[in-house]
C-alpha cells in the first residue's frame, strides 16, 4: 500500500509544470557619464541664472560722447532703475560737422533705464535729460546755460559678479547759449547722434 502511494506521488511530481528561472538584468552602471551639455543647454542655464539675479544699486562712471562724470543708480522696479549724475560737458565735436559751437562746462542730469532682463544685463533703453552751464573757454565759469536730452539703446554685459559695462547709441538734442569771444552771444540748437558708455559697480 505504501509503495502504491509512493508511485502516485512521483507521477504527480513529474507531471507538474517546472518554473524556469530567468537571470536578473544586470544593474545599470552608477556614476558620471561623459555626456557634455549642448550649447543650447548652456545658454538656457545662463539665462536661468541671470533671470534669478536682480537689479542692484550702482556707483557708475558715465562716459558718453559729450559728458564724463560720476553717477549713482537705484532700482525702482524689477526692470527699471534711475540714475542721477554730475558731469563735465563739452561739444568739441559739433564744429567738426558744422553743427554748432564748441563750448564746455558742467552740469547734472537724470536718466531712467529700462532693462529687458531683471538681472540688468542684456538689452536696455535709457532716455535722459541734462542741464548744463557752459562757456566757450572756461569749465568752472559758465557764461550761459543749456540742456541736452535724448535716448540710448544698448547692451549691458557683466565683467564680473559686481562690474557692469553698458555700451549703446541713440539720438540727442543739444541746446545752449553763452558768451563768446569779444562778448558776442553764441548759441547752438541741433540734433546729433548719441553714444553711451557706462561702467557700474554693484553695491
Protein backbone atom coordinates (compact mmCIF):
# COMPACT_ATOMS: atom_id res chain seq x y z
CA UNK A 1 0.00 0.00 0.00
CA UNK A 2 2.82 2.33 0.91
CA UNK A 3 4.59 1.66 -2.38
CA UNK A 4 1.39 2.50 -4.30
CA UNK A 5 1.18 5.90 -2.65
CA UNK A 6 4.88 6.49 -3.47
CA UNK A 7 4.27 5.71 -7.15
CA UNK A 8 1.33 8.14 -7.28
CA UNK A 9 3.41 10.92 -5.62
CA UNK A 10 6.27 10.51 -8.09
CA UNK A 11 3.88 10.57 -11.04
CA UNK A 12 2.19 13.81 -9.91
CA UNK A 13 5.55 15.49 -9.37
CA UNK A 14 6.73 14.55 -12.85
CA UNK A 15 3.57 15.97 -14.46
CA UNK A 16 3.78 19.34 -12.65
CA UNK A 17 4.98 22.43 -14.52
CA UNK A 18 8.57 23.31 -13.87
CA UNK A 19 9.27 27.06 -13.38
CA UNK A 20 12.11 28.43 -15.44
CA UNK A 21 14.20 30.97 -13.62
CA UNK A 22 15.41 33.86 -15.79
CA UNK A 23 18.62 35.67 -14.88
CA UNK A 24 18.10 39.09 -13.30
CA UNK A 25 19.00 42.05 -15.50
CA UNK A 26 22.44 43.45 -14.94
CA UNK A 27 22.43 46.60 -12.85
CA UNK A 28 22.96 49.83 -14.77
CA UNK A 29 26.32 51.47 -14.18
CA UNK A 30 26.32 54.10 -11.48
CA UNK A 31 28.49 57.19 -11.79
CA UNK A 32 29.10 60.24 -14.01
CA UNK A 33 28.81 59.95 -17.75
CA UNK A 34 30.91 61.64 -20.40
CA UNK A 35 27.93 63.47 -21.93
CA UNK A 36 28.58 67.24 -22.06
CA UNK A 37 25.71 69.80 -22.13
CA UNK A 38 24.96 71.20 -25.55
CA UNK A 39 25.44 74.92 -26.34
CA UNK A 40 21.65 75.34 -26.19
CA UNK A 41 21.57 73.81 -22.70
CA UNK A 42 24.43 76.03 -21.53
CA UNK A 43 22.64 79.10 -22.87
CA UNK A 44 19.43 78.06 -21.12
CA UNK A 45 21.32 77.60 -17.83
CA UNK A 46 22.95 81.02 -18.18
CA UNK A 47 19.59 82.66 -18.92
CA UNK A 48 18.03 80.95 -15.90
CA UNK A 49 20.82 82.20 -13.62
CA UNK A 50 20.50 85.76 -14.96
CA UNK A 51 16.73 85.72 -14.54
CA UNK A 52 17.16 84.85 -10.87
CA UNK A 53 19.59 87.75 -10.42
CA UNK A 54 18.21 91.21 -9.74
CA UNK A 55 18.99 94.89 -10.17
CA UNK A 56 21.30 96.37 -7.55
CA UNK A 57 22.25 99.96 -6.64
CA UNK A 58 25.34 101.02 -8.56
CA UNK A 59 28.14 103.54 -8.42
CA UNK A 60 28.88 104.50 -12.01
CA UNK A 61 31.11 106.43 -14.36
CA UNK A 62 29.17 107.87 -17.30
CA UNK A 63 31.45 108.45 -20.26
CA UNK A 64 29.25 109.28 -23.22
CA UNK A 65 30.00 111.43 -26.26
CA UNK A 66 29.50 114.81 -24.56
CA UNK A 67 29.89 114.04 -20.83
CA UNK A 68 32.06 112.28 -18.29
CA UNK A 69 31.35 112.09 -14.59
CA UNK A 70 30.15 110.07 -11.59
CA UNK A 71 26.61 108.79 -11.12
CA UNK A 72 24.51 106.81 -8.68
CA UNK A 73 21.80 104.43 -9.91
CA UNK A 74 19.00 102.95 -7.80
CA UNK A 75 16.42 100.27 -8.77
CA UNK A 76 12.79 101.39 -8.78
CA UNK A 77 11.07 98.24 -10.04
CA UNK A 78 12.17 94.80 -11.23
CA UNK A 79 13.20 96.15 -14.66
CA UNK A 80 13.64 99.89 -14.04
CA UNK A 81 16.38 101.92 -12.38
CA UNK A 82 17.04 105.67 -12.18
CA UNK A 83 20.45 107.30 -12.01
CA UNK A 84 21.48 110.80 -11.00
CA UNK A 85 24.73 112.19 -12.36
CA UNK A 86 27.11 115.12 -12.26
CA UNK A 87 29.49 115.64 -15.15
CA UNK A 88 31.88 117.72 -17.19
CA UNK A 89 30.29 118.67 -20.50
CA UNK A 90 31.70 119.54 -23.93
CA UNK A 91 30.57 119.96 -27.53
CA UNK A 92 34.03 119.73 -29.11
CA UNK A 93 32.55 117.52 -31.85
CA UNK A 94 29.91 119.97 -33.17
CA UNK A 95 32.31 122.17 -35.24
CA UNK A 96 33.69 119.03 -36.94
CA UNK A 97 30.32 118.62 -38.66
CA UNK A 98 29.42 122.32 -38.90
CA UNK A 99 26.61 121.55 -36.45
CA UNK A 100 27.25 124.18 -33.76
CA UNK A 101 29.70 125.89 -31.44
CA UNK A 102 32.36 124.35 -29.23
CA UNK A 103 31.50 125.03 -25.57
CA UNK A 104 32.37 123.37 -22.31
CA UNK A 105 31.03 123.37 -18.78
CA UNK A 106 29.46 121.20 -16.11
CA UNK A 107 26.00 120.03 -15.19
CA UNK A 108 23.70 117.41 -13.72
CA UNK A 109 21.19 115.00 -15.14
CA UNK A 110 18.68 112.25 -14.57
CA UNK A 111 18.43 109.02 -16.51
CA UNK A 112 15.84 106.24 -16.12
CA UNK A 113 16.88 102.92 -17.64
CA UNK A 114 14.62 100.03 -18.60
CA UNK A 115 16.23 96.57 -18.75
CA UNK A 116 14.79 93.67 -20.72
CA UNK A 117 16.21 91.26 -18.12
CA UNK A 118 15.71 91.56 -14.39
CA UNK A 119 19.46 91.00 -13.94
CA UNK A 120 20.22 94.39 -15.52
CA UNK A 121 22.30 92.76 -18.24
CA UNK A 122 21.38 92.47 -21.87
CA UNK A 123 19.20 94.93 -23.78
CA UNK A 124 18.46 98.32 -22.21
CA UNK A 125 16.70 101.57 -23.18
CA UNK A 126 17.68 104.81 -21.45
CA UNK A 127 16.13 108.24 -22.04
CA UNK A 128 17.83 111.14 -20.26
CA UNK A 129 17.70 114.87 -19.51
CA UNK A 130 20.71 117.04 -18.57
CA UNK A 131 21.08 120.70 -17.59
CA UNK A 132 24.46 122.35 -18.20
CA UNK A 133 26.28 125.60 -17.50
CA UNK A 134 28.56 126.42 -20.44
CA UNK A 135 31.21 128.83 -21.67
CA UNK A 136 33.34 128.96 -24.80
CA UNK A 137 36.59 128.78 -22.78
CA UNK A 138 36.11 128.01 -19.08
CA UNK A 139 34.63 124.90 -17.49
CA UNK A 140 34.22 126.30 -13.93
CA UNK A 141 32.99 129.77 -15.01
CA UNK A 142 29.87 129.38 -17.16
CA UNK A 143 28.51 132.38 -19.01
CA UNK A 144 25.44 130.62 -20.33
CA UNK A 145 23.13 127.72 -19.82
CA UNK A 146 21.81 124.85 -21.89
CA UNK A 147 20.32 121.39 -21.87
CA UNK A 148 20.59 118.10 -23.70
CA UNK A 149 18.01 115.35 -23.96
CA UNK A 150 17.81 112.10 -25.85
CA UNK A 151 17.70 108.33 -25.56
CA UNK A 152 20.04 105.37 -25.92
CA UNK A 153 19.51 101.74 -26.85
CA UNK A 154 22.33 99.42 -25.91
CA UNK A 155 23.62 96.22 -24.36
CA UNK A 156 24.92 95.64 -20.84
CA UNK A 157 27.47 92.90 -20.09
CA UNK A 158 28.93 91.64 -16.84
CA UNK A 159 32.67 92.00 -16.39
CA UNK A 160 32.46 90.01 -13.17
CA UNK A 161 29.97 89.47 -10.37
CA UNK A 162 29.79 93.19 -9.49
CA UNK A 163 31.11 95.08 -12.50
CA UNK A 164 28.88 96.01 -15.46
CA UNK A 165 29.65 97.66 -18.79
CA UNK A 166 26.93 99.30 -20.91
CA UNK A 167 27.53 100.38 -24.48
CA UNK A 168 24.85 101.96 -26.63
CA UNK A 169 23.90 104.51 -29.26
CA UNK A 170 20.96 106.77 -29.96
CA UNK A 171 19.99 110.34 -30.68
CA UNK A 172 20.14 113.58 -28.70
CA UNK A 173 19.12 117.21 -28.94
CA UNK A 174 21.59 119.89 -27.77
CA UNK A 175 20.61 123.47 -26.99
CA UNK A 176 22.68 126.20 -25.28
CA UNK A 177 23.67 129.84 -25.38
CA UNK A 178 26.77 131.51 -23.90
CA UNK A 179 29.10 134.49 -24.22
CA UNK A 180 31.62 134.03 -26.99
CA UNK A 181 34.84 135.83 -27.91
CA UNK A 182 34.56 139.62 -27.57
CA UNK A 183 31.33 139.29 -25.59
CA UNK A 184 29.22 138.23 -28.55
CA UNK A 185 26.42 135.81 -27.84
CA UNK A 186 26.84 132.31 -29.25
CA UNK A 187 24.25 129.58 -29.32
CA UNK A 188 23.57 126.17 -30.80
CA UNK A 189 20.40 124.19 -31.17
CA UNK A 190 20.82 120.93 -33.02
CA UNK A 191 20.02 117.23 -33.08
CA UNK A 192 23.01 114.94 -33.05
CA UNK A 193 23.98 111.29 -32.69
CA UNK A 194 24.34 110.00 -29.14
CA UNK A 195 26.92 107.50 -27.86
CA UNK A 196 26.68 105.81 -24.47
CA UNK A 197 29.31 104.13 -22.29
CA UNK A 198 28.73 103.42 -18.59
CA UNK A 199 30.79 101.40 -16.14
CA UNK A 200 28.92 100.42 -12.98
CA UNK A 201 29.88 98.77 -9.69
CA UNK A 202 27.08 96.87 -7.98
CA UNK A 203 26.74 97.65 -4.29
